[in-house]
């Protein structure tokens, strides 16, 4: 996810994207535990995207 995309989103949109990414992360972790996930890097990328969204989300409180 691009930072410029996140800057354009409202707080409500960020909440929606955050929920979707957290659910995807949960599914990927489950797949990894079962051995079905081909690239574990997806989990790392999802966690980074979630962190980016949370950072932007918290900046909305201070603006």
Protein backbone atom coordinates (compact mmCIF):
# COMPACT_ATOMS: atom_id res chain seq x y z
CA UNK A 1 0.00 0.00 0.00
CA UNK A 2 1.34 3.38 -0.99
CA UNK A 3 1.66 6.17 1.58
CA UNK A 4 0.20 8.68 -0.88
CA UNK A 5 -2.94 6.54 -1.14
CA UNK A 6 -3.28 6.52 2.63
CA UNK A 7 -2.93 10.28 2.88
CA UNK A 8 -6.00 10.72 0.67
CA UNK A 9 -8.22 8.45 2.77
CA UNK A 10 -10.49 9.61 5.56
CA UNK A 11 -10.36 8.15 9.05
CA UNK A 12 -13.42 5.99 8.35
CA UNK A 13 -11.86 4.59 5.15
CA UNK A 14 -8.66 3.81 7.04
CA UNK A 15 -10.67 1.86 9.63
CA UNK A 16 -12.27 -0.21 6.87
CA UNK A 17 -8.96 -0.98 5.18
CA UNK A 18 -7.42 -1.81 8.56
CA UNK A 19 -10.16 -4.34 9.33
CA UNK A 20 -9.71 -5.98 5.92
CA UNK A 21 -5.94 -6.24 6.29
CA UNK A 22 -6.19 -7.65 9.80
CA UNK A 23 -8.59 -10.33 8.59
CA UNK A 24 -6.28 -11.15 5.66
CA UNK A 25 -3.33 -11.36 8.07
CA UNK A 26 -5.29 -13.75 10.30
CA UNK A 27 -6.03 -15.98 7.31
CA UNK A 28 -2.40 -15.93 6.12
CA UNK A 29 -1.15 -16.87 9.60
CA UNK A 30 -3.57 -19.77 9.64
CA UNK A 31 -2.39 -20.90 6.20
CA UNK A 32 1.24 -20.64 7.32
CA UNK A 33 0.53 -22.78 10.37
CA UNK A 34 -1.01 -25.43 8.14
CA UNK A 35 1.88 -25.25 5.70
CA UNK A 36 -0.31 -24.05 2.82
CA UNK A 37 1.31 -20.62 2.44
CA UNK A 38 3.95 -20.48 -0.28
CA UNK A 39 5.57 -17.16 0.64
CA UNK A 40 5.76 -16.18 4.28
CA UNK A 41 6.88 -12.71 3.16
CA UNK A 42 3.19 -11.89 2.60
CA UNK A 43 2.72 -11.87 6.38
CA UNK A 44 5.58 -9.43 6.83
CA UNK A 45 4.20 -7.13 4.13
CA UNK A 46 0.73 -7.19 5.65
CA UNK A 47 2.12 -6.29 9.07
CA UNK A 48 4.00 -3.36 7.57
CA UNK A 49 0.89 -2.16 5.74
CA UNK A 50 -1.09 -2.36 8.98
CA UNK A 51 1.60 -0.31 10.75
CA UNK A 52 1.49 2.32 8.00
CA UNK A 53 -2.28 2.59 8.29
CA UNK A 54 -2.13 2.88 12.07
CA UNK A 55 0.47 5.61 11.80
CA UNK A 56 -1.68 7.57 9.37
CA UNK A 57 -4.80 6.88 11.45
CA UNK A 58 -3.16 8.31 14.57
CA UNK A 59 -1.99 11.37 12.66
CA UNK A 60 -5.64 12.16 11.90
CA UNK A 61 -6.14 12.67 15.65
CA UNK A 62 -3.43 15.32 15.76
CA UNK A 63 -4.40 17.27 12.66
